[in-house]
Amino acid sequence: MSSIKENSQSKSRKLFLYIGLDNIFLILSIVIPLVLVGRNQTGSCLHHIEDSEGSFWVVGRALGFSTFIWFIISTFYGIRTKKLGQAFKSYQKARDFHCINAVITLTVLVIHVTSLLSSDPWGELLFDRESNHLPFPLFLTKVLMGIAFGLIMVSVSLSSFIFRDMKRMKRFGFKNFIKIHYIMLILSFLLAIHIFLINTEILVIMWG
């Protein structure tokens, strides 16, 4: 009986440790980009942060980095699901933990996108097609690459919840489930292009 109790306590400690680390990562992944992006807000772009719409730009840009950080964290935990299953003594708990990280990633992604769409200048660039900040095709490429990969990431993340039911998983096939994750990782070159086009941010900062 005592060994069963010790095993249960050990599992709980490991689970709480990982949840604690998740909370620390979450705070740091939001606070650090916010501080860095806020400090980087210099030059002729200062007029973009004089009102609430400008604040949305700062938040949206910062949470773009936060989303990328959580994509990496979620992917890491997904790759290590079996190892986590051994640590938690439960494969189901390991999958649930990975799903929690996917939810955090998607939540930060939604706030990132919503903030930018509500912001000055991104709202004006997208909806009014203003070209005084930067070439519109460059901006549109950045947006489309981000949307494309965002939709892929959302689809794969939702599949993780759908296939938590083992009957559905067996019907779909575990190998197919793994394949769609690999496809997402291969298509992360879209995310790389989206991030590489960070120079669209630099153009606005330099020339306002």
N, C-alpha and C. Protein backbone atom coordinates (compact mmCIF):
# COMPACT_ATOMS: atom_id res chain seq x y z
N MET A 1 0.84 -1.21 0.00
CA MET A 1 0.00 0.00 0.00
C MET A 1 0.87 1.25 0.00
N SER A 2 1.92 1.20 0.81
CA SER A 2 2.76 2.39 0.94
C SER A 2 3.49 2.71 -0.36
N SER A 3 3.90 1.67 -1.13
CA SER A 3 4.57 1.91 -2.41
C SER A 3 3.60 2.52 -3.44
N ILE A 4 2.33 2.09 -3.39
CA ILE A 4 1.31 2.66 -4.29
C ILE A 4 1.12 4.14 -3.98
N LYS A 5 1.08 4.43 -2.65
CA LYS A 5 0.90 5.83 -2.22
C LYS A 5 2.09 6.69 -2.66
N GLU A 6 3.30 6.13 -2.49
CA GLU A 6 4.51 6.87 -2.88
C GLU A 6 4.54 7.12 -4.39
N ASN A 7 4.11 6.10 -5.16
CA ASN A 7 4.03 6.23 -6.61
C ASN A 7 3.08 7.34 -7.02
N SER A 8 1.93 7.38 -6.35
CA SER A 8 0.91 8.39 -6.64
C SER A 8 1.42 9.79 -6.31
N GLN A 9 2.13 9.90 -5.16
CA GLN A 9 2.69 11.20 -4.76
C GLN A 9 3.77 11.65 -5.74
N SER A 10 4.57 10.69 -6.21
CA SER A 10 5.64 11.00 -7.16
C SER A 10 5.05 11.51 -8.47
N LYS A 11 3.97 10.86 -8.94
CA LYS A 11 3.29 11.30 -10.17
C LYS A 11 2.75 12.71 -10.01
N SER A 12 2.11 12.95 -8.86
CA SER A 12 1.53 14.27 -8.60
C SER A 12 2.60 15.35 -8.56
N ARG A 13 3.75 15.03 -7.92
CA ARG A 13 4.83 16.01 -7.83
C ARG A 13 5.35 16.38 -9.22
N LYS A 14 5.53 15.36 -10.07
CA LYS A 14 6.03 15.61 -11.41
C LYS A 14 5.03 16.43 -12.24
N LEU A 15 3.75 16.09 -12.09
CA LEU A 15 2.72 16.82 -12.82
C LEU A 15 2.68 18.28 -12.39
N PHE A 16 2.72 18.51 -11.06
CA PHE A 16 2.70 19.88 -10.54
C PHE A 16 3.97 20.64 -10.94
N LEU A 17 5.10 19.92 -11.02
CA LEU A 17 6.35 20.54 -11.44
C LEU A 17 6.22 21.06 -12.87
N TYR A 18 5.70 20.21 -13.77
CA TYR A 18 5.54 20.61 -15.16
C TYR A 18 4.52 21.74 -15.30
N ILE A 19 3.44 21.69 -14.54
CA ILE A 19 2.43 22.75 -14.58
C ILE A 19 3.04 24.05 -14.07
N GLY A 20 3.85 23.96 -13.01
CA GLY A 20 4.54 25.13 -12.47
C GLY A 20 5.48 25.74 -13.49
N LEU A 21 6.24 24.88 -14.18
CA LEU A 21 7.15 25.37 -15.23
C LEU A 21 6.38 26.03 -16.36
N ASP A 22 5.23 25.43 -16.70
CA ASP A 22 4.38 26.02 -17.73
C ASP A 22 3.96 27.44 -17.37
N ASN A 23 3.56 27.63 -16.12
CA ASN A 23 3.13 28.95 -15.66
C ASN A 23 4.27 29.97 -15.72
N ILE A 24 5.46 29.52 -15.33
CA ILE A 24 6.64 30.40 -15.39
C ILE A 24 6.95 30.77 -16.84
N PHE A 25 6.95 29.75 -17.73
CA PHE A 25 7.20 29.99 -19.15
C PHE A 25 6.16 30.95 -19.73
N LEU A 26 4.91 30.78 -19.31
CA LEU A 26 3.83 31.62 -19.84
C LEU A 26 4.06 33.09 -19.47
N ILE A 27 4.37 33.32 -18.21
CA ILE A 27 4.61 34.69 -17.74
C ILE A 27 5.81 35.31 -18.47
N LEU A 28 6.92 34.57 -18.52
CA LEU A 28 8.13 35.09 -19.17
C LEU A 28 7.93 35.31 -20.66
N SER A 29 7.19 34.39 -21.31
CA SER A 29 7.00 34.48 -22.77
C SER A 29 6.13 35.66 -23.15
N ILE A 30 5.38 36.20 -22.21
CA ILE A 30 4.55 37.37 -22.48
C ILE A 30 5.25 38.65 -22.03
N VAL A 31 5.81 38.61 -20.82
CA VAL A 31 6.41 39.82 -20.24
C VAL A 31 7.65 40.26 -21.01
N ILE A 32 8.56 39.32 -21.30
CA ILE A 32 9.83 39.68 -21.96
C ILE A 32 9.60 40.30 -23.35
N PRO A 33 8.79 39.66 -24.24
CA PRO A 33 8.53 40.32 -25.53
C PRO A 33 7.84 41.68 -25.38
N LEU A 34 6.92 41.82 -24.42
CA LEU A 34 6.26 43.11 -24.22
C LEU A 34 7.26 44.20 -23.86
N VAL A 35 8.20 43.86 -22.96
CA VAL A 35 9.22 44.83 -22.54
C VAL A 35 10.12 45.18 -23.72
N LEU A 36 10.59 44.16 -24.45
CA LEU A 36 11.51 44.39 -25.56
C LEU A 36 10.86 45.17 -26.70
N VAL A 37 9.62 44.80 -27.04
CA VAL A 37 8.92 45.51 -28.12
C VAL A 37 8.61 46.94 -27.69
N GLY A 38 8.22 47.13 -26.43
CA GLY A 38 7.95 48.48 -25.93
C GLY A 38 9.18 49.36 -25.98
N ARG A 39 10.33 48.80 -25.64
CA ARG A 39 11.58 49.58 -25.66
C ARG A 39 12.02 49.87 -27.09
N ASN A 40 11.61 49.01 -28.01
CA ASN A 40 12.00 49.16 -29.41
C ASN A 40 11.13 50.18 -30.14
N GLN A 41 10.08 50.63 -29.46
CA GLN A 41 9.12 51.54 -30.08
C GLN A 41 9.68 52.96 -30.08
N THR A 42 10.59 53.22 -31.00
CA THR A 42 11.23 54.54 -31.05
C THR A 42 11.15 55.12 -32.45
N GLY A 43 11.58 56.37 -32.58
CA GLY A 43 11.61 57.00 -33.90
C GLY A 43 10.27 57.55 -34.31
N SER A 44 10.05 57.65 -35.63
CA SER A 44 8.85 58.31 -36.14
C SER A 44 7.58 57.51 -35.93
N CYS A 45 7.71 56.25 -35.44
CA CYS A 45 6.51 55.43 -35.23
C CYS A 45 5.82 55.78 -33.92
N LEU A 46 6.35 56.72 -33.15
CA LEU A 46 5.78 57.00 -31.84
C LEU A 46 4.31 57.42 -31.92
N HIS A 47 3.91 58.02 -33.04
CA HIS A 47 2.51 58.42 -33.16
C HIS A 47 1.56 57.22 -33.18
N HIS A 48 2.12 56.02 -33.43
CA HIS A 48 1.28 54.83 -33.47
C HIS A 48 0.90 54.32 -32.07
N ILE A 49 1.55 54.83 -31.04
CA ILE A 49 1.25 54.32 -29.70
C ILE A 49 0.65 55.40 -28.82
N GLU A 50 0.12 56.44 -29.43
CA GLU A 50 -0.45 57.53 -28.64
C GLU A 50 -1.87 57.23 -28.16
N ASP A 51 -2.51 56.21 -28.72
CA ASP A 51 -3.87 55.88 -28.30
C ASP A 51 -3.99 54.37 -28.13
N SER A 52 -5.22 53.92 -27.85
CA SER A 52 -5.44 52.49 -27.58
C SER A 52 -5.12 51.63 -28.79
N GLU A 53 -5.41 52.14 -30.00
CA GLU A 53 -5.11 51.36 -31.20
C GLU A 53 -3.61 51.13 -31.35
N GLY A 54 -2.83 52.12 -30.96
CA GLY A 54 -1.38 51.97 -30.99
C GLY A 54 -0.90 50.96 -29.97
N SER A 55 -1.56 50.94 -28.81
CA SER A 55 -1.21 49.96 -27.77
C SER A 55 -1.47 48.55 -28.27
N PHE A 56 -2.53 48.38 -29.06
CA PHE A 56 -2.83 47.06 -29.62
C PHE A 56 -1.69 46.60 -30.53
N TRP A 57 -1.05 47.55 -31.22
CA TRP A 57 0.07 47.20 -32.10
C TRP A 57 1.23 46.64 -31.28
N VAL A 58 1.53 47.30 -30.17
CA VAL A 58 2.61 46.84 -29.30
C VAL A 58 2.29 45.44 -28.77
N VAL A 59 1.08 45.27 -28.25
CA VAL A 59 0.66 43.98 -27.68
C VAL A 59 0.67 42.90 -28.77
N GLY A 60 0.11 43.24 -29.94
CA GLY A 60 0.05 42.26 -31.02
C GLY A 60 1.41 41.80 -31.48
N ARG A 61 2.33 42.76 -31.64
CA ARG A 61 3.69 42.39 -32.05
C ARG A 61 4.37 41.53 -31.01
N ALA A 62 4.23 41.91 -29.75
CA ALA A 62 4.86 41.14 -28.67
C ALA A 62 4.30 39.72 -28.59
N LEU A 63 2.98 39.60 -28.72
CA LEU A 63 2.37 38.28 -28.62
C LEU A 63 2.65 37.41 -29.84
N GLY A 64 3.12 38.02 -30.94
CA GLY A 64 3.59 37.22 -32.07
C GLY A 64 4.80 36.39 -31.65
N PHE A 65 5.72 37.03 -30.92
CA PHE A 65 6.88 36.29 -30.40
C PHE A 65 6.44 35.26 -29.36
N SER A 66 5.46 35.63 -28.54
CA SER A 66 4.95 34.70 -27.51
C SER A 66 4.33 33.47 -28.17
N THR A 67 3.59 33.68 -29.26
CA THR A 67 2.98 32.55 -29.99
C THR A 67 4.05 31.61 -30.52
N PHE A 68 5.11 32.20 -31.08
CA PHE A 68 6.21 31.39 -31.62
C PHE A 68 6.87 30.57 -30.51
N ILE A 69 7.08 31.20 -29.36
CA ILE A 69 7.67 30.50 -28.21
C ILE A 69 6.80 29.32 -27.79
N TRP A 70 5.47 29.55 -27.73
CA TRP A 70 4.57 28.48 -27.29
C TRP A 70 4.39 27.41 -28.34
N PHE A 71 4.56 27.76 -29.60
CA PHE A 71 4.55 26.74 -30.65
C PHE A 71 5.72 25.78 -30.45
N ILE A 72 6.89 26.34 -30.12
CA ILE A 72 8.08 25.52 -29.87
C ILE A 72 7.87 24.65 -28.63
N ILE A 73 7.34 25.26 -27.55
CA ILE A 73 7.12 24.52 -26.30
C ILE A 73 6.13 23.38 -26.52
N SER A 74 5.01 23.70 -27.20
CA SER A 74 3.98 22.69 -27.45
C SER A 74 4.52 21.56 -28.32
N THR A 75 5.31 21.93 -29.34
CA THR A 75 5.92 20.91 -30.22
C THR A 75 6.88 20.02 -29.43
N PHE A 76 7.66 20.64 -28.56
CA PHE A 76 8.62 19.90 -27.73
C PHE A 76 7.89 18.88 -26.85
N TYR A 77 6.82 19.32 -26.19
CA TYR A 77 6.07 18.41 -25.34
C TYR A 77 5.37 17.33 -26.16
N GLY A 78 4.95 17.70 -27.38
CA GLY A 78 4.32 16.71 -28.25
C GLY A 78 5.29 15.61 -28.64
N ILE A 79 6.52 16.00 -28.98
CA ILE A 79 7.56 15.02 -29.35
C ILE A 79 7.90 14.12 -28.17
N ARG A 80 7.84 14.71 -26.96
CA ARG A 80 8.22 13.96 -25.76
C ARG A 80 7.01 13.37 -25.01
N THR A 81 5.90 13.18 -25.72
CA THR A 81 4.70 12.66 -25.06
C THR A 81 4.95 11.31 -24.37
N LYS A 82 5.69 10.43 -25.04
CA LYS A 82 5.96 9.11 -24.44
C LYS A 82 6.79 9.26 -23.17
N LYS A 83 7.79 10.14 -23.23
CA LYS A 83 8.63 10.37 -22.04
C LYS A 83 7.80 10.96 -20.91
N LEU A 84 6.92 11.89 -21.26
CA LEU A 84 6.04 12.48 -20.24
C LEU A 84 5.11 11.42 -19.66
N GLY A 85 4.64 10.52 -20.54
CA GLY A 85 3.78 9.43 -20.09
C GLY A 85 4.47 8.57 -19.04
N GLN A 86 5.77 8.34 -19.25
CA GLN A 86 6.54 7.56 -18.27
C GLN A 86 6.71 8.33 -16.97
N ALA A 87 6.93 9.65 -17.10
CA ALA A 87 7.12 10.48 -15.90
C ALA A 87 5.83 10.57 -15.09
N PHE A 88 4.69 10.73 -15.80
CA PHE A 88 3.39 10.86 -15.12
C PHE A 88 2.77 9.51 -14.81
N LYS A 89 3.40 8.43 -15.33
CA LYS A 89 2.85 7.07 -15.20
C LYS A 89 1.47 6.98 -15.84
N SER A 90 1.24 7.82 -16.83
CA SER A 90 -0.05 7.83 -17.51
C SER A 90 0.11 8.51 -18.87
N TYR A 91 -0.08 7.74 -19.94
CA TYR A 91 0.04 8.31 -21.28
C TYR A 91 -1.08 9.31 -21.53
N GLN A 92 -2.27 9.04 -20.96
CA GLN A 92 -3.40 9.94 -21.14
C GLN A 92 -3.12 11.31 -20.53
N LYS A 93 -2.52 11.32 -19.34
CA LYS A 93 -2.18 12.60 -18.70
C LYS A 93 -1.15 13.38 -19.52
N ALA A 94 -0.21 12.63 -20.11
CA ALA A 94 0.81 13.27 -20.95
C ALA A 94 0.17 13.91 -22.17
N ARG A 95 -0.79 13.22 -22.78
CA ARG A 95 -1.50 13.77 -23.93
C ARG A 95 -2.32 14.98 -23.52
N ASP A 96 -2.97 14.89 -22.35
CA ASP A 96 -3.76 16.02 -21.85
C ASP A 96 -2.87 17.23 -21.61
N PHE A 97 -1.67 16.98 -21.10
CA PHE A 97 -0.73 18.07 -20.83
C PHE A 97 -0.31 18.74 -22.14
N HIS A 98 -0.07 17.91 -23.15
CA HIS A 98 0.27 18.45 -24.48
C HIS A 98 -0.90 19.27 -25.03
N CYS A 99 -2.13 18.80 -24.82
CA CYS A 99 -3.32 19.52 -25.29
C CYS A 99 -3.46 20.87 -24.58
N ILE A 100 -3.11 20.91 -23.29
CA ILE A 100 -3.16 22.17 -22.53
C ILE A 100 -2.20 23.18 -23.17
N ASN A 101 -1.01 22.71 -23.52
CA ASN A 101 -0.03 23.60 -24.16
C ASN A 101 -0.51 24.06 -25.53
N ALA A 102 -1.22 23.19 -26.24
CA ALA A 102 -1.79 23.57 -27.53
C ALA A 102 -2.85 24.66 -27.35
N VAL A 103 -3.65 24.52 -26.29
CA VAL A 103 -4.69 25.53 -26.00
C VAL A 103 -4.04 26.88 -25.69
N ILE A 104 -2.96 26.86 -24.90
CA ILE A 104 -2.26 28.11 -24.57
C ILE A 104 -1.73 28.75 -25.86
N THR A 105 -1.13 27.93 -26.74
CA THR A 105 -0.61 28.44 -28.01
C THR A 105 -1.70 29.10 -28.84
N LEU A 106 -2.85 28.42 -28.95
CA LEU A 106 -3.95 28.94 -29.75
C LEU A 106 -4.54 30.20 -29.13
N THR A 107 -4.62 30.24 -27.81
CA THR A 107 -5.16 31.42 -27.12
C THR A 107 -4.28 32.64 -27.38
N VAL A 108 -2.97 32.45 -27.23
CA VAL A 108 -2.03 33.55 -27.48
C VAL A 108 -2.10 33.97 -28.95
N LEU A 109 -2.24 32.99 -29.85
CA LEU A 109 -2.36 33.28 -31.28
C LEU A 109 -3.58 34.16 -31.57
N VAL A 110 -4.72 33.80 -30.98
CA VAL A 110 -5.96 34.55 -31.21
C VAL A 110 -5.81 35.99 -30.72
N ILE A 111 -5.22 36.17 -29.55
CA ILE A 111 -5.03 37.53 -29.01
C ILE A 111 -4.05 38.30 -29.89
N HIS A 112 -3.00 37.63 -30.36
CA HIS A 112 -2.01 38.23 -31.27
C HIS A 112 -2.70 38.79 -32.52
N VAL A 113 -3.50 37.95 -33.17
CA VAL A 113 -4.18 38.34 -34.41
C VAL A 113 -5.20 39.44 -34.15
N THR A 114 -6.02 39.26 -33.10
CA THR A 114 -7.07 40.24 -32.79
C THR A 114 -6.46 41.61 -32.48
N SER A 115 -5.37 41.61 -31.72
CA SER A 115 -4.72 42.87 -31.36
C SER A 115 -4.20 43.60 -32.59
N LEU A 116 -3.57 42.85 -33.50
CA LEU A 116 -3.02 43.49 -34.70
C LEU A 116 -4.12 44.01 -35.63
N LEU A 117 -5.20 43.26 -35.75
CA LEU A 117 -6.31 43.71 -36.60
C LEU A 117 -6.97 44.97 -36.04
N SER A 118 -6.89 45.14 -34.72
CA SER A 118 -7.50 46.31 -34.07
C SER A 118 -6.53 47.49 -33.99
N SER A 119 -5.32 47.29 -34.47
CA SER A 119 -4.26 48.27 -34.22
C SER A 119 -4.08 49.28 -35.35
N ASP A 120 -3.40 50.35 -34.99
CA ASP A 120 -2.84 51.29 -35.95
C ASP A 120 -1.32 51.02 -35.90
N PRO A 121 -0.67 50.63 -37.01
CA PRO A 121 -1.10 50.80 -38.39
C PRO A 121 -1.66 49.56 -39.07
N TRP A 122 -1.60 48.37 -38.47
CA TRP A 122 -1.96 47.16 -39.21
C TRP A 122 -3.40 47.17 -39.69
N GLY A 123 -4.31 47.68 -38.86
CA GLY A 123 -5.70 47.75 -39.28
C GLY A 123 -5.87 48.62 -40.52
N GLU A 124 -5.16 49.75 -40.52
CA GLU A 124 -5.24 50.67 -41.68
C GLU A 124 -4.59 50.05 -42.91
N LEU A 125 -3.47 49.37 -42.69
CA LEU A 125 -2.77 48.75 -43.82
C LEU A 125 -3.63 47.66 -44.46
N LEU A 126 -4.30 46.88 -43.65
CA LEU A 126 -5.06 45.75 -44.16
C LEU A 126 -6.41 46.16 -44.72
N PHE A 127 -7.13 47.00 -43.98
CA PHE A 127 -8.49 47.34 -44.38
C PHE A 127 -8.56 48.57 -45.30
N ASP A 128 -7.67 49.53 -45.09
CA ASP A 128 -7.68 50.74 -45.92
C ASP A 128 -6.59 50.74 -46.99
N ARG A 129 -5.73 49.72 -46.94
CA ARG A 129 -4.64 49.56 -47.91
C ARG A 129 -3.76 50.80 -48.00
N GLU A 130 -3.45 51.36 -46.86
CA GLU A 130 -2.54 52.50 -46.84
C GLU A 130 -1.15 52.05 -47.29
N SER A 131 -0.51 52.85 -48.09
CA SER A 131 0.80 52.46 -48.61
C SER A 131 1.91 53.41 -48.16
N ASN A 132 1.56 54.32 -47.23
CA ASN A 132 2.58 55.28 -46.80
C ASN A 132 3.59 54.65 -45.85
N HIS A 133 3.25 53.49 -45.26
CA HIS A 133 4.14 52.85 -44.30
C HIS A 133 5.14 51.91 -44.97
N LEU A 134 4.68 51.14 -45.93
CA LEU A 134 5.52 50.14 -46.58
C LEU A 134 4.79 49.62 -47.81
N PRO A 135 5.48 48.91 -48.72
CA PRO A 135 4.81 48.34 -49.90
C PRO A 135 3.72 47.36 -49.46
N PHE A 136 2.50 47.55 -49.97
CA PHE A 136 1.39 46.70 -49.56
C PHE A 136 1.61 45.22 -49.89
N PRO A 137 2.18 44.86 -51.08
CA PRO A 137 2.41 43.43 -51.38
C PRO A 137 3.29 42.74 -50.33
N LEU A 138 4.28 43.47 -49.80
CA LEU A 138 5.16 42.91 -48.78
C LEU A 138 4.37 42.61 -47.51
N PHE A 139 3.54 43.57 -47.13
CA PHE A 139 2.71 43.39 -45.94
C PHE A 139 1.72 42.25 -46.14
N LEU A 140 1.11 42.18 -47.34
CA LEU A 140 0.12 41.15 -47.61
C LEU A 140 0.74 39.75 -47.58
N THR A 141 1.98 39.64 -48.10
CA THR A 141 2.68 38.36 -48.07
C THR A 141 2.88 37.90 -46.63
N LYS A 142 3.31 38.82 -45.79
CA LYS A 142 3.50 38.50 -44.37
C LYS A 142 2.20 38.01 -43.74
N VAL A 143 1.12 38.73 -44.01
CA VAL A 143 -0.19 38.39 -43.43
C VAL A 143 -0.65 37.02 -43.92
N LEU A 144 -0.56 36.77 -45.24
CA LEU A 144 -1.06 35.52 -45.80
C LEU A 144 -0.26 34.31 -45.31
N MET A 145 1.06 34.46 -45.18
CA MET A 145 1.89 33.37 -44.66
C MET A 145 1.50 33.05 -43.21
N GLY A 146 1.26 34.12 -42.44
CA GLY A 146 0.85 33.93 -41.04
C GLY A 146 -0.50 33.26 -40.94
N ILE A 147 -1.46 33.70 -41.77
CA ILE A 147 -2.81 33.11 -41.75
C ILE A 147 -2.76 31.65 -42.17
N ALA A 148 -1.99 31.36 -43.23
CA ALA A 148 -1.91 29.98 -43.73
C ALA A 148 -1.38 29.04 -42.66
N PHE A 149 -0.27 29.43 -42.03
CA PHE A 149 0.30 28.54 -41.01
C PHE A 149 -0.59 28.52 -39.77
N GLY A 150 -1.21 29.65 -39.43
CA GLY A 150 -2.12 29.69 -38.27
C GLY A 150 -3.26 28.71 -38.44
N LEU A 151 -3.86 28.65 -39.64
CA LEU A 151 -4.97 27.73 -39.90
C LEU A 151 -4.51 26.27 -39.80
N ILE A 152 -3.30 26.00 -40.31
CA ILE A 152 -2.75 24.64 -40.22
C ILE A 152 -2.55 24.26 -38.76
N MET A 153 -1.97 25.18 -37.98
CA MET A 153 -1.71 24.90 -36.57
C MET A 153 -3.00 24.69 -35.79
N VAL A 154 -4.01 25.51 -36.08
CA VAL A 154 -5.31 25.37 -35.41
C VAL A 154 -5.93 24.01 -35.75
N SER A 155 -5.88 23.62 -37.03
CA SER A 155 -6.46 22.34 -37.47
C SER A 155 -5.81 21.16 -36.77
N VAL A 156 -4.47 21.17 -36.73
CA VAL A 156 -3.74 20.06 -36.11
C VAL A 156 -4.01 20.04 -34.60
N SER A 157 -4.05 21.21 -33.97
CA SER A 157 -4.31 21.28 -32.53
C SER A 157 -5.71 20.76 -32.20
N LEU A 158 -6.69 21.12 -33.02
CA LEU A 158 -8.06 20.64 -32.79
C LEU A 158 -8.14 19.12 -32.96
N SER A 159 -7.33 18.61 -33.89
CA SER A 159 -7.32 17.15 -34.10
C SER A 159 -6.86 16.42 -32.84
N SER A 160 -5.97 17.08 -32.07
CA SER A 160 -5.48 16.46 -30.84
C SER A 160 -6.63 16.25 -29.85
N PHE A 161 -7.58 17.18 -29.86
CA PHE A 161 -8.74 17.04 -28.96
C PHE A 161 -9.73 16.01 -29.51
N ILE A 162 -9.92 16.05 -30.82
CA ILE A 162 -10.87 15.11 -31.44
C ILE A 162 -10.42 13.67 -31.21
N PHE A 163 -9.11 13.44 -31.35
CA PHE A 163 -8.59 12.08 -31.26
C PHE A 163 -8.11 11.69 -29.85
N ARG A 164 -8.53 12.49 -28.86
CA ARG A 164 -8.31 12.04 -27.47
C ARG A 164 -9.17 10.80 -27.20
N ASP A 165 -10.28 10.71 -27.91
CA ASP A 165 -11.13 9.52 -27.86
C ASP A 165 -10.42 8.41 -28.62
N MET A 166 -10.02 7.35 -27.91
CA MET A 166 -9.20 6.31 -28.51
C MET A 166 -9.92 5.56 -29.63
N LYS A 167 -11.27 5.51 -29.57
CA LYS A 167 -12.01 4.85 -30.65
C LYS A 167 -11.84 5.63 -31.96
N ARG A 168 -11.92 6.96 -31.85
CA ARG A 168 -11.70 7.79 -33.03
C ARG A 168 -10.27 7.67 -33.52
N MET A 169 -9.35 7.61 -32.56
CA MET A 169 -7.93 7.50 -32.91
C MET A 169 -7.68 6.20 -33.68
N LYS A 170 -8.27 5.10 -33.23
CA LYS A 170 -8.07 3.81 -33.90
C LYS A 170 -8.64 3.84 -35.31
N ARG A 171 -9.81 4.50 -35.45
CA ARG A 171 -10.42 4.58 -36.78
C ARG A 171 -9.57 5.43 -37.72
N PHE A 172 -9.04 6.53 -37.21
CA PHE A 172 -8.22 7.43 -38.03
C PHE A 172 -6.85 6.85 -38.28
N GLY A 173 -6.31 6.18 -37.26
CA GLY A 173 -4.97 5.59 -37.37
C GLY A 173 -3.93 6.45 -36.69
N PHE A 174 -3.20 5.86 -35.74
CA PHE A 174 -2.21 6.63 -34.98
C PHE A 174 -1.10 7.14 -35.90
N LYS A 175 -0.71 6.32 -36.90
CA LYS A 175 0.35 6.73 -37.82
C LYS A 175 -0.09 7.95 -38.64
N ASN A 176 -1.38 7.96 -39.04
CA ASN A 176 -1.89 9.12 -39.77
C ASN A 176 -1.90 10.37 -38.89
N PHE A 177 -2.21 10.16 -37.61
CA PHE A 177 -2.22 11.26 -36.63
C PHE A 177 -0.83 11.87 -36.51
N ILE A 178 0.18 11.01 -36.46
CA ILE A 178 1.57 11.47 -36.40
C ILE A 178 1.97 12.18 -37.69
N LYS A 179 1.48 11.64 -38.82
CA LYS A 179 1.83 12.23 -40.13
C LYS A 179 1.36 13.67 -40.24
N ILE A 180 0.13 13.96 -39.76
CA ILE A 180 -0.37 15.33 -39.89
C ILE A 180 0.45 16.31 -39.04
N HIS A 181 1.04 15.80 -37.95
CA HIS A 181 1.93 16.64 -37.15
C HIS A 181 3.24 16.90 -37.91
N TYR A 182 3.73 15.85 -38.59
CA TYR A 182 4.96 16.03 -39.39
C TYR A 182 4.71 17.00 -40.54
N ILE A 183 3.54 16.90 -41.16
CA ILE A 183 3.19 17.81 -42.25
C ILE A 183 3.19 19.25 -41.74
N MET A 184 2.63 19.46 -40.53
CA MET A 184 2.62 20.80 -39.95
C MET A 184 4.05 21.30 -39.75
N LEU A 185 4.93 20.44 -39.26
CA LEU A 185 6.31 20.85 -39.03
C LEU A 185 7.01 21.19 -40.35
N ILE A 186 6.72 20.40 -41.39
CA ILE A 186 7.31 20.68 -42.71
C ILE A 186 6.82 22.02 -43.23
N LEU A 187 5.52 22.28 -43.04
CA LEU A 187 4.93 23.53 -43.53
C LEU A 187 5.26 24.73 -42.65
N SER A 188 6.05 24.49 -41.60
CA SER A 188 6.44 25.61 -40.75
C SER A 188 7.36 26.59 -41.49
N PHE A 189 7.75 26.23 -42.75
CA PHE A 189 8.50 27.21 -43.55
C PHE A 189 7.62 28.44 -43.81
N LEU A 190 6.29 28.26 -43.80
CA LEU A 190 5.38 29.41 -43.94
C LEU A 190 5.53 30.34 -42.74
N LEU A 191 5.67 29.74 -41.58
CA LEU A 191 5.90 30.53 -40.37
C LEU A 191 7.25 31.23 -40.44
N ALA A 192 8.24 30.52 -40.99
CA ALA A 192 9.58 31.12 -41.13
C ALA A 192 9.53 32.36 -42.02
N ILE A 193 8.75 32.27 -43.12
CA ILE A 193 8.61 33.43 -44.01
C ILE A 193 7.91 34.57 -43.28
N HIS A 194 6.86 34.23 -42.54
CA HIS A 194 6.11 35.23 -41.76
C HIS A 194 7.04 35.95 -40.79
N ILE A 195 7.89 35.19 -40.11
CA ILE A 195 8.81 35.78 -39.13
C ILE A 195 9.91 36.56 -39.85
N PHE A 196 10.41 36.00 -40.96
CA PHE A 196 11.46 36.69 -41.71
C PHE A 196 11.00 38.06 -42.17
N LEU A 197 9.72 38.17 -42.51
CA LEU A 197 9.18 39.45 -42.96
C LEU A 197 8.91 40.40 -41.80
N ILE A 198 9.62 40.17 -40.69
CA ILE A 198 9.59 41.11 -39.56
C ILE A 198 10.09 42.47 -40.03
N ASN A 199 10.79 42.49 -41.18
CA ASN A 199 11.26 43.77 -41.69
C ASN A 199 10.11 44.71 -42.01
N THR A 200 8.89 44.16 -42.15
CA THR A 200 7.73 45.04 -42.32
C THR A 200 7.53 45.88 -41.06
N GLU A 201 7.81 45.29 -39.91
CA GLU A 201 7.72 46.03 -38.65
C GLU A 201 8.81 47.11 -38.61
N ILE A 202 10.01 46.72 -39.06
CA ILE A 202 11.14 47.66 -39.03
C ILE A 202 10.87 48.86 -39.94
N LEU A 203 10.24 48.59 -41.11
CA LEU A 203 9.93 49.68 -42.02
C LEU A 203 9.01 50.70 -41.38
N VAL A 204 7.99 50.20 -40.66
CA VAL A 204 7.06 51.12 -39.99
C VAL A 204 7.77 51.90 -38.90
N ILE A 205 8.63 51.20 -38.15
CA ILE A 205 9.34 51.86 -37.05
C ILE A 205 10.29 52.93 -37.57
N MET A 206 10.96 52.64 -38.69
CA MET A 206 11.95 53.59 -39.21
C MET A 206 11.31 54.77 -39.94
N TRP A 207 10.22 54.45 -40.71
CA TRP A 207 9.66 55.51 -41.56
C TRP A 207 8.25 55.93 -41.15
N GLY A 208 7.64 55.19 -40.17
CA GLY A 208 6.36 55.61 -39.63
C GLY A 208 5.24 55.60 -40.63
